[in-house]
Every structure is written in structure tokens, then in C-alpha cells.
Amino acid sequence: MLEFLGERYYIDVQEIENKIAIANPTLESTEVDGQIEPHISVSKWEVYKNLVDVILSEREELDENLGIHSAKNLSIPFKFAFNTLLINNIIKKL
């Protein structure tokens, strides 16, 4: 398990699914090959997908011994993506 800023985090895939699902009772799920396909918001999916991609592709090295001081070297896109996913409960602390 990797630590980041003194905490252990994970990406909650179920929460992503909950966030992108369209909760409209007038829309019925479609059935394909015996499996139910839920309706999703494509725009929300694309945003969350891109935010997770930014998180997973950050190349800046962090020195865990420096703690919060090391976070100053992170890119602006990473900071926005991490904070957005954390606030929306996509990234959770262990």
C-alpha cells in the first residue's frame, strides 16, 4: 500500500458508478444479452475518467519525509483532480 501525504487512499469504483448513474424513474434500463445496462451520464463519466487519469499519471516524485512540504511540487492539474475526487468521495482514506 502506498502512502500519500501521510494517508492511504483508494479510488472507490462503486462511488463512480453511483455518481454517473442517471436516477430518473422514467428511463428504463436496457437489457442486452440477459444483462441490464444502466443509463449513465456520459459527460459526468468523461469528467471523472479524466480526473482519475490525471491522478494516476502524475509524474512528480514525492519525498514522504517532507510531508506536506513535498506536496508543493505537485502540478496544478493534479491538485485540482485530487481535491475534486476527494470532495466527491471518489477518493477515500483507508
Protein backbone atom coordinates (compact mmCIF):
# COMPACT_ATOMS: atom_id res chain seq x y z
CA MET A 1 0.00 0.00 0.00
CA LEU A 2 1.36 3.41 -0.92
CA GLU A 3 1.08 6.39 1.37
CA PHE A 4 0.45 9.87 0.03
CA LEU A 5 0.73 12.94 2.27
CA GLY A 6 0.74 10.72 5.33
CA GLU A 7 -2.52 8.94 4.45
CA ARG A 8 -3.54 5.87 2.48
CA TYR A 9 -6.13 6.47 -0.22
CA TYR A 10 -8.09 4.36 -2.67
CA ILE A 11 -10.41 5.02 -5.61
CA ASP A 12 -13.96 3.91 -4.86
CA VAL A 13 -15.17 2.48 -8.18
CA GLN A 14 -18.67 1.85 -6.83
CA GLU A 15 -18.96 5.54 -5.94
CA ILE A 16 -18.04 6.48 -9.52
CA GLU A 17 -20.82 4.22 -10.73
CA ASN A 18 -23.25 5.85 -8.28
CA LYS A 19 -22.22 9.35 -9.39
CA ILE A 20 -22.62 8.72 -13.13
CA ALA A 21 -25.89 6.76 -12.97
CA ILE A 22 -28.94 8.64 -14.16
CA ALA A 23 -31.54 8.33 -11.42
CA ASN A 24 -34.64 9.01 -13.47
CA PRO A 25 -37.56 6.62 -12.93
CA THR A 26 -38.95 7.37 -16.41
CA LEU A 27 -35.83 5.92 -18.03
CA GLU A 28 -35.73 2.16 -18.01
CA SER A 29 -32.54 0.17 -18.15
CA THR A 30 -31.97 -1.70 -21.36
CA GLU A 31 -31.34 -5.42 -21.42
CA VAL A 32 -28.56 -6.74 -23.63
CA ASP A 33 -27.76 -10.47 -23.73
CA GLY A 34 -29.65 -11.02 -20.48
CA GLN A 35 -27.73 -8.32 -18.59
CA ILE A 36 -29.24 -5.00 -17.52
CA GLU A 37 -27.42 -1.94 -18.85
CA PRO A 38 -27.99 1.14 -16.66
CA HIS A 39 -28.21 4.62 -18.18
CA ILE A 40 -25.27 6.84 -17.35
CA SER A 41 -24.37 10.49 -17.76
CA VAL A 42 -21.65 10.45 -20.40
CA SER A 43 -20.47 13.95 -19.51
CA LYS A 44 -20.02 13.01 -15.82
CA TRP A 45 -18.26 9.79 -16.85
CA GLU A 46 -15.81 11.70 -19.04
CA VAL A 47 -15.04 14.22 -16.30
CA TYR A 48 -14.42 11.55 -13.65
CA LYS A 49 -12.40 9.45 -16.10
CA ASN A 50 -10.15 12.40 -16.92
CA LEU A 51 -9.73 13.35 -13.25
CA VAL A 52 -8.69 9.80 -12.36
CA ASP A 53 -6.34 9.75 -15.35
CA VAL A 54 -4.62 12.91 -14.08
CA ILE A 55 -4.22 11.35 -10.62
CA LEU A 56 -2.76 8.12 -11.97
CA SER A 57 -0.41 9.77 -14.46
CA GLU A 58 1.26 12.34 -12.16
CA ARG A 59 4.99 12.04 -12.62
CA GLU A 60 6.22 14.28 -9.80
CA GLU A 61 8.28 12.44 -7.20
CA LEU A 62 7.19 12.94 -3.60
CA ASP A 63 9.52 12.72 -0.67
CA GLU A 64 7.33 11.30 2.11
CA ASN A 65 9.84 12.55 4.70
CA LEU A 66 8.99 16.13 3.79
CA GLY A 67 5.25 15.56 4.30
CA ILE A 68 3.07 18.48 3.23
CA HIS A 69 6.10 20.46 2.01
CA SER A 70 6.60 17.88 -0.72
CA ALA A 71 3.03 18.46 -1.98
CA LYS A 72 4.02 21.95 -3.13
CA ASN A 73 5.82 20.33 -6.06
CA LEU A 74 2.65 18.69 -7.42
CA SER A 75 1.15 20.01 -10.62
CA ILE A 76 -1.94 22.24 -10.64
CA PRO A 77 -3.98 19.66 -12.62
CA PHE A 78 -3.10 17.00 -10.03
CA LYS A 79 -4.15 19.24 -7.14
CA PHE A 80 -7.48 20.08 -8.81
CA ALA A 81 -8.15 16.46 -9.72
CA PHE A 82 -7.22 15.10 -6.30
CA ASN A 83 -9.28 17.69 -4.41
CA THR A 84 -12.30 17.27 -6.71
CA LEU A 85 -12.26 13.49 -6.37
CA LEU A 86 -11.75 13.72 -2.61
CA ILE A 87 -14.66 16.14 -2.14
CA ASN A 88 -16.92 13.95 -4.30
CA ASN A 89 -16.00 10.82 -2.27
CA ILE A 90 -14.35 9.10 -5.24
CA ILE A 91 -11.00 9.05 -3.43
CA LYS A 92 -11.34 7.83 0.13
CA LYS A 93 -8.96 7.38 3.03
CA LEU A 94 -8.36 3.89 4.34
